[in-house]
Amino acid sequence: MAKLRHLAIKTDNPEKLADFYKKAFDMKEVVRGTKGSIHLSDGVMNLAIQTTSEKSKEPQHPAGFYHIGFQVEDLEEVAERIRQIHPDGAPTIRAARWAETRGKD
């Protein structure tokens, strides 16, 4: 069974939003990215708060929900299921800093 482990939010003010989650939900800061992101955790889930100006391979993304991450037991099996449902979104399995692979729904 897949387990949701990561959420990402884009914002114009990462410091303010991170401060909210730290104070309201007692989340702990675990790392700051070189491009302005702030990563928080409750011990299980990771919340990535990214600036709307953060450079990425995707077009400029507005403030709001950005992406989610799942921990899966069998990456090949899940990748094949995605290929069958949405061939254009199927992930290419490769090493990445925060994820084993990325796909699109």
PDB file of N, CA and C in Angstrom:
ATOM      1  N   MET A   1       0.837  -1.173   0.000  1.00  0.00           N
ATOM      2  CA  MET A   1       0.000   0.000   0.000  1.00  0.00           C
ATOM      3  C   MET A   1       0.888   1.245   0.000  1.00  0.00           C
ATOM      4  N   ALA A   2       0.553   2.185  -0.847  1.00  0.00           N
ATOM      5  CA  ALA A   2       1.291   3.448  -0.909  1.00  0.00           C
ATOM      6  C   ALA A   2       0.975   4.292   0.316  1.00  0.00           C
ATOM      7  N   LYS A   3       1.968   5.046   0.770  1.00  0.00           N
ATOM      8  CA  LYS A   3       1.787   5.914   1.932  1.00  0.00           C
ATOM      9  C   LYS A   3       2.165   7.329   1.549  1.00  0.00           C
ATOM     10  N   LEU A   4       1.246   8.248   1.767  1.00  0.00           N
ATOM     11  CA  LEU A   4       1.518   9.651   1.508  1.00  0.00           C
ATOM     12  C   LEU A   4       2.583  10.126   2.493  1.00  0.00           C
ATOM     13  N   ARG A   5       3.675  10.706   1.982  1.00  0.00           N
ATOM     14  CA  ARG A   5       4.772  11.120   2.850  1.00  0.00           C
ATOM     15  C   ARG A   5       5.261  12.543   2.598  1.00  0.00           C
ATOM     16  N   HIS A   6       4.762  13.197   1.550  1.00  0.00           N
ATOM     17  CA  HIS A   6       5.330  14.497   1.181  1.00  0.00           C
ATOM     18  C   HIS A   6       4.262  15.358   0.520  1.00  0.00           C
ATOM     19  N   LEU A   7       4.182  16.605   0.934  1.00  0.00           N
ATOM     20  CA  LEU A   7       3.332  17.609   0.301  1.00  0.00           C
ATOM     21  C   LEU A   7       4.189  18.832   0.024  1.00  0.00           C
ATOM     22  N   ALA A   8       3.911  19.517  -1.071  1.00  0.00           N
ATOM     23  CA  ALA A   8       4.645  20.740  -1.391  1.00  0.00           C
ATOM     24  C   ALA A   8       3.662  21.859  -1.697  1.00  0.00           C
ATOM     25  N   ILE A   9       3.981  23.018  -1.177  1.00  0.00           N
ATOM     26  CA  ILE A   9       3.171  24.210  -1.368  1.00  0.00           C
ATOM     27  C   ILE A   9       4.077  25.310  -1.903  1.00  0.00           C
ATOM     28  N   LYS A  10       3.599  26.045  -2.900  1.00  0.00           N
ATOM     29  CA  LYS A  10       4.313  27.230  -3.394  1.00  0.00           C
ATOM     30  C   LYS A  10       3.693  28.459  -2.734  1.00  0.00           C
ATOM     31  N   THR A  11       4.520  29.412  -2.352  1.00  0.00           N
ATOM     32  CA  THR A  11       4.048  30.631  -1.709  1.00  0.00           C
ATOM     33  C   THR A  11       4.967  31.793  -2.043  1.00  0.00           C
ATOM     34  N   ASP A  12       4.425  32.996  -1.931  1.00  0.00           N
ATOM     35  CA  ASP A  12       5.243  34.194  -2.123  1.00  0.00           C
ATOM     36  C   ASP A  12       6.079  34.494  -0.887  1.00  0.00           C
ATOM     37  N   ASN A  13       5.726  33.884   0.267  1.00  0.00           N
ATOM     38  CA  ASN A  13       6.427  34.178   1.514  1.00  0.00           C
ATOM     39  C   ASN A  13       6.671  32.878   2.298  1.00  0.00           C
ATOM     40  N   PRO A  14       7.701  32.100   1.923  1.00  0.00           N
ATOM     41  CA  PRO A  14       7.977  30.832   2.597  1.00  0.00           C
ATOM     42  C   PRO A  14       8.215  30.972   4.104  1.00  0.00           C
ATOM     43  N   GLU A  15       8.910  32.024   4.521  1.00  0.00           N
ATOM     44  CA  GLU A  15       9.199  32.218   5.951  1.00  0.00           C
ATOM     45  C   GLU A  15       7.906  32.319   6.755  1.00  0.00           C
ATOM     46  N   LYS A  16       6.979  33.125   6.282  1.00  0.00           N
ATOM     47  CA  LYS A  16       5.724  33.341   6.995  1.00  0.00           C
ATOM     48  C   LYS A  16       4.896  32.055   7.049  1.00  0.00           C
ATOM     49  N   LEU A  17       4.814  31.341   5.934  1.00  0.00           N
ATOM     50  CA  LEU A  17       4.028  30.106   5.906  1.00  0.00           C
ATOM     51  C   LEU A  17       4.678  29.027   6.770  1.00  0.00           C
ATOM     52  N   ALA A  18       5.997  28.900   6.709  1.00  0.00           N
ATOM     53  CA  ALA A  18       6.695  27.915   7.546  1.00  0.00           C
ATOM     54  C   ALA A  18       6.480  28.245   9.016  1.00  0.00           C
ATOM     55  N   ASP A  19       6.545  29.507   9.375  1.00  0.00           N
ATOM     56  CA  ASP A  19       6.329  29.923  10.752  1.00  0.00           C
ATOM     57  C   ASP A  19       4.925  29.532  11.218  1.00  0.00           C
ATOM     58  N   PHE A  20       3.931  29.694  10.344  1.00  0.00           N
ATOM     59  CA  PHE A  20       2.561  29.297  10.677  1.00  0.00           C
ATOM     60  C   PHE A  20       2.494  27.810  11.018  1.00  0.00           C
ATOM     61  N   TYR A  21       3.031  26.961  10.154  1.00  0.00           N
ATOM     62  CA  TYR A  21       2.962  25.512  10.386  1.00  0.00           C
ATOM     63  C   TYR A  21       3.772  25.089  11.614  1.00  0.00           C
ATOM     64  N   LYS A  22       4.883  25.760  11.861  1.00  0.00           N
ATOM     65  CA  LYS A  22       5.681  25.438  13.046  1.00  0.00           C
ATOM     66  C   LYS A  22       4.923  25.807  14.325  1.00  0.00           C
ATOM     67  N   LYS A  23       4.288  26.977  14.344  1.00  0.00           N
ATOM     68  CA  LYS A  23       3.572  27.424  15.535  1.00  0.00           C
ATOM     69  C   LYS A  23       2.224  26.725  15.705  1.00  0.00           C
ATOM     70  N   ALA A  24       1.467  26.595  14.623  1.00  0.00           N
ATOM     71  CA  ALA A  24       0.118  26.023  14.727  1.00  0.00           C
ATOM     72  C   ALA A  24       0.126  24.517  14.930  1.00  0.00           C
ATOM     73  N   PHE A  25       1.065  23.806  14.304  1.00  0.00           N
ATOM     74  CA  PHE A  25       1.049  22.349  14.331  1.00  0.00           C
ATOM     75  C   PHE A  25       2.314  21.731  14.911  1.00  0.00           C
ATOM     76  N   ASP A  26       3.174  22.556  15.487  1.00  0.00           N
ATOM     77  CA  ASP A  26       4.401  22.096  16.133  1.00  0.00           C
ATOM     78  C   ASP A  26       5.303  21.300  15.183  1.00  0.00           C
ATOM     79  N   MET A  27       5.275  21.665  13.896  1.00  0.00           N
ATOM     80  CA  MET A  27       6.162  21.003  12.934  1.00  0.00           C
ATOM     81  C   MET A  27       7.582  21.514  13.152  1.00  0.00           C
ATOM     82  N   LYS A  28       8.547  20.676  12.835  1.00  0.00           N
ATOM     83  CA  LYS A  28       9.959  21.013  13.018  1.00  0.00           C
ATOM     84  C   LYS A  28      10.618  21.263  11.664  1.00  0.00           C
ATOM     85  N   GLU A  29      11.471  22.266  11.610  1.00  0.00           N
ATOM     86  CA  GLU A  29      12.223  22.539  10.387  1.00  0.00           C
ATOM     87  C   GLU A  29      13.344  21.513  10.280  1.00  0.00           C
ATOM     88  N   VAL A  30      13.445  20.868   9.104  1.00  0.00           N
ATOM     89  CA  VAL A  30      14.474  19.848   8.931  1.00  0.00           C
ATOM     90  C   VAL A  30      15.572  20.266   7.959  1.00  0.00           C
ATOM     91  N   VAL A  31      15.250  21.119   6.998  1.00  0.00           N
ATOM     92  CA  VAL A  31      16.279  21.564   6.052  1.00  0.00           C
ATOM     93  C   VAL A  31      15.771  22.783   5.284  1.00  0.00           C
ATOM     94  N   ARG A  32      16.724  23.591   4.842  1.00  0.00           N
ATOM     95  CA  ARG A  32      16.428  24.714   3.938  1.00  0.00           C
ATOM     96  C   ARG A  32      17.137  24.449   2.628  1.00  0.00           C
ATOM     97  N   GLY A  33      16.411  24.593   1.550  1.00  0.00           N
ATOM     98  CA  GLY A  33      16.992  24.377   0.231  1.00  0.00           C
ATOM     99  C   GLY A  33      17.773  25.588  -0.236  1.00  0.00           C
ATOM    100  N   THR A  34      18.635  25.381  -1.195  1.00  0.00           N
ATOM    101  CA  THR A  34      19.471  26.465  -1.719  1.00  0.00           C
ATOM    102  C   THR A  34      18.681  27.470  -2.551  1.00  0.00           C
ATOM    103  N   LYS A  35      17.451  27.103  -2.959  1.00  0.00           N
ATOM    104  CA  LYS A  35      16.635  27.997  -3.781  1.00  0.00           C
ATOM    105  C   LYS A  35      15.495  28.626  -2.995  1.00  0.00           C
ATOM    106  N   GLY A  36      15.571  28.568  -1.669  1.00  0.00           N
ATOM    107  CA  GLY A  36      14.572  29.244  -0.847  1.00  0.00           C
ATOM    108  C   GLY A  36      13.504  28.360  -0.234  1.00  0.00           C
ATOM    109  N   SER A  37      13.553  27.061  -0.470  1.00  0.00           N
ATOM    110  CA  SER A  37      12.534  26.181   0.111  1.00  0.00           C
ATOM    111  C   SER A  37      12.835  25.909   1.577  1.00  0.00           C
ATOM    112  N   ILE A  38      11.778  25.662   2.344  1.00  0.00           N
ATOM    113  CA  ILE A  38      11.882  25.306   3.755  1.00  0.00           C
ATOM    114  C   ILE A  38      11.125  23.995   3.925  1.00  0.00           C
ATOM    115  N   HIS A  39      11.798  22.982   4.462  1.00  0.00           N
ATOM    116  CA  HIS A  39      11.184  21.665   4.649  1.00  0.00           C
ATOM    117  C   HIS A  39      10.897  21.440   6.125  1.00  0.00           C
ATOM    118  N   LEU A  40       9.647  21.113   6.414  1.00  0.00           N
ATOM    119  CA  LEU A  40       9.194  20.857   7.774  1.00  0.00           C
ATOM    120  C   LEU A  40       8.772  19.398   7.885  1.00  0.00           C
ATOM    121  N   SER A  41       8.707  18.886   9.112  1.00  0.00           N
ATOM    122  CA  SER A  41       8.256  17.520   9.322  1.00  0.00           C
ATOM    123  C   SER A  41       7.528  17.403  10.645  1.00  0.00           C
ATOM    124  N   ASP A  42       6.569  16.475  10.690  1.00  0.00           N
ATOM    125  CA  ASP A  42       5.903  16.118  11.942  1.00  0.00           C
ATOM    126  C   ASP A  42       6.472  14.806  12.477  1.00  0.00           C
ATOM    127  N   GLY A  43       7.517  14.311  11.829  1.00  0.00           N
ATOM    128  CA  GLY A  43       8.123  13.038  12.194  1.00  0.00           C
ATOM    129  C   GLY A  43       7.766  11.931  11.226  1.00  0.00           C
ATOM    130  N   VAL A  44       6.712  12.134  10.453  1.00  0.00           N
ATOM    131  CA  VAL A  44       6.283  11.160   9.441  1.00  0.00           C
ATOM    132  C   VAL A  44       6.169  11.854   8.080  1.00  0.00           C
ATOM    133  N   MET A  45       5.398  12.916   8.039  1.00  0.00           N
ATOM    134  CA  MET A  45       5.164  13.661   6.798  1.00  0.00           C
ATOM    135  C   MET A  45       6.194  14.774   6.641  1.00  0.00           C
ATOM    136  N   ASN A  46       6.544  15.062   5.385  1.00  0.00           N
ATOM    137  CA  ASN A  46       7.418  16.173   5.050  1.00  0.00           C
ATOM    138  C   ASN A  46       6.583  17.207   4.319  1.00  0.00           C
ATOM    139  N   LEU A  47       6.677  18.460   4.726  1.00  0.00           N
ATOM    140  CA  LEU A  47       5.991  19.558   4.068  1.00  0.00           C
ATOM    141  C   LEU A  47       7.048  20.483   3.480  1.00  0.00           C
ATOM    142  N   ALA A  48       7.094  20.551   2.158  1.00  0.00           N
ATOM    143  CA  ALA A  48       8.047  21.428   1.470  1.00  0.00           C
ATOM    144  C   ALA A  48       7.335  22.729   1.137  1.00  0.00           C
ATOM    145  N   ILE A  49       7.862  23.817   1.648  1.00  0.00           N
ATOM    146  CA  ILE A  49       7.305  25.135   1.365  1.00  0.00           C
ATOM    147  C   ILE A  49       8.290  25.816   0.437  1.00  0.00           C
ATOM    148  N   GLN A  50       7.841  26.059  -0.785  1.00  0.00           N
ATOM    149  CA  GLN A  50       8.723  26.587  -1.820  1.00  0.00           C
ATOM    150  C   GLN A  50       8.261  27.969  -2.261  1.00  0.00           C
ATOM    151  N   THR A  51       9.213  28.807  -2.608  1.00  0.00           N
ATOM    152  CA  THR A  51       8.885  30.130  -3.104  1.00  0.00           C
ATOM    153  C   THR A  51       8.358  30.028  -4.540  1.00  0.00           C
ATOM    154  N   THR A  52       7.427  30.894  -4.878  1.00  0.00           N
ATOM    155  CA  THR A  52       6.874  30.885  -6.234  1.00  0.00           C
ATOM    156  C   THR A  52       7.932  31.240  -7.269  1.00  0.00           C
ATOM    157  N   SER A  53       9.016  31.863  -6.844  1.00  0.00           N
ATOM    158  CA  SER A  53      10.078  32.230  -7.781  1.00  0.00           C
ATOM    159  C   SER A  53      11.130  31.129  -7.916  1.00  0.00           C
ATOM    160  N   GLU A  54      10.971  30.018  -7.158  1.00  0.00           N
ATOM    161  CA  GLU A  54      11.964  28.943  -7.222  1.00  0.00           C
ATOM    162  C   GLU A  54      12.037  28.371  -8.635  1.00  0.00           C
ATOM    163  N   LYS A  55      13.228  28.250  -9.115  1.00  0.00           N
ATOM    164  CA  LYS A  55      13.438  27.724 -10.462  1.00  0.00           C
ATOM    165  C   LYS A  55      13.225  26.211 -10.461  1.00  0.00           C
ATOM    166  N   SER A  56      12.574  25.723 -11.489  1.00  0.00           N
ATOM    167  CA  SER A  56      12.378  24.283 -11.637  1.00  0.00           C
ATOM    168  C   SER A  56      12.304  23.969 -13.119  1.00  0.00           C
ATOM    169  N   LYS A  57      12.201  22.691 -13.434  1.00  0.00           N
ATOM    170  CA  LYS A  57      12.104  22.271 -14.823  1.00  0.00           C
ATOM    171  C   LYS A  57      10.718  22.546 -15.390  1.00  0.00           C
ATOM    172  N   GLU A  58       9.756  22.839 -14.502  1.00  0.00           N
ATOM    173  CA  GLU A  58       8.386  23.095 -14.929  1.00  0.00           C
ATOM    174  C   GLU A  58       8.172  24.597 -15.077  1.00  0.00           C
ATOM    175  N   PRO A  59       7.139  24.985 -15.831  1.00  0.00           N
ATOM    176  CA  PRO A  59       6.845  26.407 -15.975  1.00  0.00           C
ATOM    177  C   PRO A  59       6.539  27.036 -14.617  1.00  0.00           C
ATOM    178  N   GLN A  60       6.634  28.340 -14.548  1.00  0.00           N
ATOM    179  CA  GLN A  60       6.329  29.072 -13.319  1.00  0.00           C
ATOM    180  C   GLN A  60       5.011  28.577 -12.743  1.00  0.00           C
ATOM    181  N   HIS A  61       5.006  28.231 -11.488  1.00  0.00           N
ATOM    182  CA  HIS A  61       3.825  27.705 -10.831  1.00  0.00           C
ATOM    183  C   HIS A  61       3.320  28.748  -9.849  1.00  0.00           C
ATOM    184  N   PRO A  62       2.017  29.039  -9.845  1.00  0.00           N
ATOM    185  CA  PRO A  62       1.484  30.044  -8.923  1.00  0.00           C
ATOM    186  C   PRO A  62       1.466  29.541  -7.482  1.00  0.00           C
ATOM    187  N   ALA A  63       1.204  30.431  -6.551  1.00  0.00           N
ATOM    188  CA  ALA A  63       1.088  30.060  -5.144  1.00  0.00           C
ATOM    189  C   ALA A  63      -0.040  29.045  -4.984  1.00  0.00           C
ATOM    190  N   GLY A  64       0.166  28.094  -4.086  1.00  0.00           N
ATOM    191  CA  GLY A  64      -0.843  27.074  -3.807  1.00  0.00           C
ATOM    192  C   GLY A  64      -0.232  25.690  -3.798  1.00  0.00           C
ATOM    193  N   PHE A  65      -1.080  24.690  -3.772  1.00  0.00           N
ATOM    194  CA  PHE A  65      -0.647  23.299  -3.755  1.00  0.00           C
ATOM    195  C   PHE A  65       0.225  23.018  -4.978  1.00  0.00           C
ATOM    196  N   TYR A  66       1.349  22.314  -4.782  1.00  0.00           N
ATOM    197  CA  TYR A  66       2.297  22.088  -5.877  1.00  0.00           C
ATOM    198  C   TYR A  66       2.420  20.617  -6.262  1.00  0.00           C
ATOM    199  N   HIS A  67       2.748  19.748  -5.302  1.00  0.00           N
ATOM    200  CA  HIS A  67       2.830  18.324  -5.623  1.00  0.00           C
ATOM    201  C   HIS A  67       2.771  17.474  -4.356  1.00  0.00           C
ATOM    202  N   ILE A  68       2.618  16.158  -4.546  1.00  0.00           N
ATOM    203  CA  ILE A  68       2.598  15.218  -3.427  1.00  0.00           C
ATOM    204  C   ILE A  68       3.594  14.096  -3.691  1.00  0.00           C
ATOM    205  N   GLY A  69       3.979  13.411  -2.640  1.00  0.00           N
ATOM    206  CA  GLY A  69       4.908  12.289  -2.785  1.00  0.00           C
ATOM    207  C   GLY A  69       4.413  11.089  -1.997  1.00  0.00           C
ATOM    208  N   PHE A  70       4.544   9.917  -2.596  1.00  0.00           N
ATOM    209  CA  PHE A  70       4.139   8.666  -1.963  1.00  0.00           C
ATOM    210  C   PHE A  70       5.349   7.765  -1.776  1.00  0.00           C
ATOM    211  N   GLN A  71       5.358   7.043  -0.692  1.00  0.00           N
ATOM    212  CA  GLN A  71       6.322   5.969  -0.493  1.00  0.00           C
ATOM    213  C   GLN A  71       5.622   4.696  -0.940  1.00  0.00           C
ATOM    214  N   VAL A  72       6.255   3.935  -1.823  1.00  0.00           N
ATOM    215  CA  VAL A  72       5.655   2.699  -2.329  1.00  0.00           C
ATOM    216  C   VAL A  72       6.607   1.535  -2.103  1.00  0.00           C
ATOM    217  N   GLU A  73       6.052   0.337  -2.023  1.00  0.00           N
ATOM    218  CA  GLU A  73       6.876  -0.852  -1.804  1.00  0.00           C
ATOM    219  C   GLU A  73       7.566  -1.316  -3.082  1.00  0.00           C
ATOM    220  N   ASP A  74       6.848  -1.243  -4.215  1.00  0.00           N
ATOM    221  CA  ASP A  74       7.396  -1.732  -5.476  1.00  0.00           C
ATOM    222  C   ASP A  74       7.253  -0.650  -6.544  1.00  0.00           C
ATOM    223  N   LEU A  75       8.324   0.088  -6.750  1.00  0.00           N
ATOM    224  CA  LEU A  75       8.302   1.210  -7.677  1.00  0.00           C
ATOM    225  C   LEU A  75       7.995   0.779  -9.104  1.00  0.00           C
ATOM    226  N   GLU A  76       8.577  -0.333  -9.549  1.00  0.00           N
ATOM    227  CA  GLU A  76       8.319  -0.822 -10.913  1.00  0.00           C
ATOM    228  C   GLU A  76       6.840  -1.139 -11.116  1.00  0.00           C
ATOM    229  N   GLU A  77       6.226  -1.760 -10.113  1.00  0.00           N
ATOM    230  CA  GLU A  77       4.806  -2.126 -10.208  1.00  0.00           C
ATOM    231  C   GLU A  77       3.932  -0.883 -10.307  1.00  0.00           C
ATOM    232  N   VAL A  78       4.207   0.101  -9.476  1.00  0.00           N
ATOM    233  CA  VAL A  78       3.422   1.335  -9.497  1.00  0.00           C
ATOM    234  C   VAL A  78       3.654   2.086 -10.808  1.00  0.00           C
ATOM    235  N   ALA A  79       4.888   2.129 -11.274  1.00  0.00           N
ATOM    236  CA  ALA A  79       5.194   2.797 -12.542  1.00  0.00           C
ATOM    237  C   ALA A  79       4.423   2.143 -13.686  1.00  0.00           C
ATOM    238  N   GLU A  80       4.327   0.823 -13.675  1.00  0.00           N
ATOM    239  CA  GLU A  80       3.578   0.116 -14.720  1.00  0.00           C
ATOM    240  C   GLU A  80       2.088   0.446 -14.642  1.00  0.00           C
ATOM    241  N   ARG A  81       1.537   0.516 -13.434  1.00  0.00           N
ATOM    242  CA  ARG A  81       0.116   0.884 -13.289  1.00  0.00           C
ATOM    243  C   ARG A  81      -0.116   2.290 -13.842  1.00  0.00           C
ATOM    244  N   ILE A  82       0.817   3.210 -13.555  1.00  0.00           N
ATOM    245  CA  ILE A  82       0.680   4.574 -14.076  1.00  0.00           C
ATOM    246  C   ILE A  82       0.748   4.562 -15.594  1.00  0.00           C
ATOM    247  N   ARG A  83       1.677   3.784 -16.164  1.00  0.00           N
ATOM    248  CA  ARG A  83       1.797   3.682 -17.632  1.00  0.00           C
ATOM    249  C   ARG A  83       0.484   3.214 -18.257  1.00  0.00           C
ATOM    250  N   GLN A  84      -0.182   2.269 -17.622  1.00  0.00           N
ATOM    251  CA  GLN A  84      -1.440   1.736 -18.157  1.00  0.00           C
ATOM    252  C   GLN A  84      -2.569   2.756 -18.078  1.00  0.00           C
ATOM    253  N   ILE A  85      -2.561   3.577 -17.046  1.00  0.00           N
ATOM    254  CA  ILE A  85      -3.612   4.568 -16.854  1.00  0.00           C
ATOM    255  C   ILE A  85      -3.335   5.841 -17.643  1.00  0.00           C
ATOM    256  N   HIS A  86      -2.095   6.295 -17.611  1.00  0.00           N
ATOM    257  CA  HIS A  86      -1.716   7.588 -18.200  1.00  0.00           C
ATOM    258  C   HIS A  86      -0.300   7.490 -18.769  1.00  0.00           C
ATOM    259  N   PRO A  87      -0.161   6.942 -19.978  1.00  0.00           N
ATOM    260  CA  PRO A  87       1.169   6.716 -20.556  1.00  0.00           C
ATOM    261  C   PRO A  87       2.074   7.948 -20.582  1.00  0.00           C
ATOM    262  N   ASP A  88       1.508   9.125 -20.799  1.00  0.00           N
ATOM    263  CA  ASP A  88       2.322  10.339 -20.860  1.00  0.00           C
ATOM    264  C   ASP A  88       2.835  10.763 -19.488  1.00  0.00           C
ATOM    265  N   GLY A  89       2.236  10.238 -18.430  1.00  0.00           N
ATOM    266  CA  GLY A  89       2.653  10.622 -17.084  1.00  0.00           C
ATOM    267  C   GLY A  89       3.544   9.606 -16.418  1.00  0.00           C
ATOM    268  N   ALA A  90       3.823   8.515 -17.121  1.00  0.00           N
ATOM    269  CA  ALA A  90       4.615   7.438 -16.510  1.00  0.00           C
ATOM    270  C   ALA A  90       5.992   7.929 -16.118  1.00  0.00           C
ATOM    271  N   PRO A  91       6.402   7.590 -14.911  1.00  0.00           N
ATOM    272  CA  PRO A  91       7.715   8.036 -14.447  1.00  0.00           C
ATOM    273  C   PRO A  91       8.861   7.282 -15.105  1.00  0.00           C
ATOM    274  N   THR A  92       9.960   7.963 -15.244  1.00  0.00           N
ATOM    275  CA  THR A  92      11.210   7.338 -15.629  1.00  0.00           C
ATOM    276  C   THR A  92      11.963   7.135 -14.324  1.00  0.00           C
ATOM    277  N   ILE A  93      12.299   5.934 -14.010  1.00  0.00           N
ATOM    278  CA  ILE A  93      12.936   5.654 -12.731  1.00  0.00           C
ATOM    279  C   ILE A  93      14.384   6.108 -12.785  1.00  0.00           C
ATOM    280  N   ARG A  94      14.712   7.020 -11.864  1.00  0.00           N
ATOM    281  CA  ARG A  94      16.046   7.596 -11.787  1.00  0.00           C
ATOM    282  C   ARG A  94      16.257   8.077 -10.360  1.00  0.00           C
ATOM    283  N   ALA A  95      17.473   8.318 -10.024  1.00  0.00           N
ATOM    284  CA  ALA A  95      17.781   8.841  -8.693  1.00  0.00           C
ATOM    285  C   ALA A  95      17.524  10.340  -8.666  1.00  0.00           C
ATOM    286  N   ALA A  96      16.942  10.822  -7.581  1.00  0.00           N
ATOM    287  CA  ALA A  96      16.723  12.243  -7.369  1.00  0.00           C
ATOM    288  C   ALA A  96      16.939  12.525  -5.887  1.00  0.00           C
ATOM    289  N   ARG A  97      17.201  13.761  -5.569  1.00  0.00           N
ATOM    290  CA  ARG A  97      17.531  14.099  -4.180  1.00  0.00           C
ATOM    291  C   ARG A  97      16.402  13.746  -3.213  1.00  0.00           C
ATOM    292  N   TRP A  98      15.168  14.102  -3.528  1.00  0.00           N
ATOM    293  CA  TRP A  98      14.053  13.915  -2.603  1.00  0.00           C
ATOM    294  C   TRP A  98      13.126  12.794  -3.032  1.00  0.00           C
ATOM    295  N   ALA A  99      13.371  12.188  -4.176  1.00  0.00           N
ATOM    296  CA  ALA A  99      12.445  11.174  -4.669  1.00  0.00           C
ATOM    297  C   ALA A  99      13.190  10.178  -5.536  1.00  0.00           C
ATOM    298  N   GLU A 100      12.693   8.981  -5.584  1.00  0.00           N
ATOM    299  CA  GLU A 100      13.269   7.974  -6.467  1.00  0.00           C
ATOM    300  C   GLU A 100      12.898   8.258  -7.917  1.00  0.00           C
ATOM    301  N   THR A 101      11.691   8.761  -8.128  1.00  0.00           N
ATOM    302  CA  THR A 101      11.212   9.035  -9.476  1.00  0.00           C
ATOM    303  C   THR A 101      10.082  10.042  -9.423  1.00  0.00           C
ATOM    304  N   ARG A 102       9.718  10.558 -10.555  1.00  0.00           N
ATOM    305  CA  ARG A 102       8.606  11.509 -10.617  1.00  0.00           C
ATOM    306  C   ARG A 102       7.734  11.170 -11.813  1.00  0.00           C
ATOM    307  N   GLY A 103       6.442  11.295 -11.632  1.00  0.00           N
ATOM    308  CA  GLY A 103       5.483  11.067 -12.706  1.00  0.00           C
ATOM    309  C   GLY A 103       4.399  12.124 -12.627  1.00  0.00           C
ATOM    310  N   LYS A 104       3.480  12.084 -13.558  1.00  0.00           N
ATOM    311  CA  LYS A 104       2.386  13.052 -13.580  1.00  0.00           C
ATOM    312  C   LYS A 104       1.064  12.308 -13.674  1.00  0.00           C
ATOM    313  N   ASP A 105       0.038  12.897 -13.022  1.00  0.00           N
ATOM    314  CA  ASP A 105      -1.292  12.299 -13.112  1.00  0.00           C
ATOM    315  C   ASP A 105      -2.108  12.959 -14.197  1.00  0.00           C
TER     316      ASP A 105
END
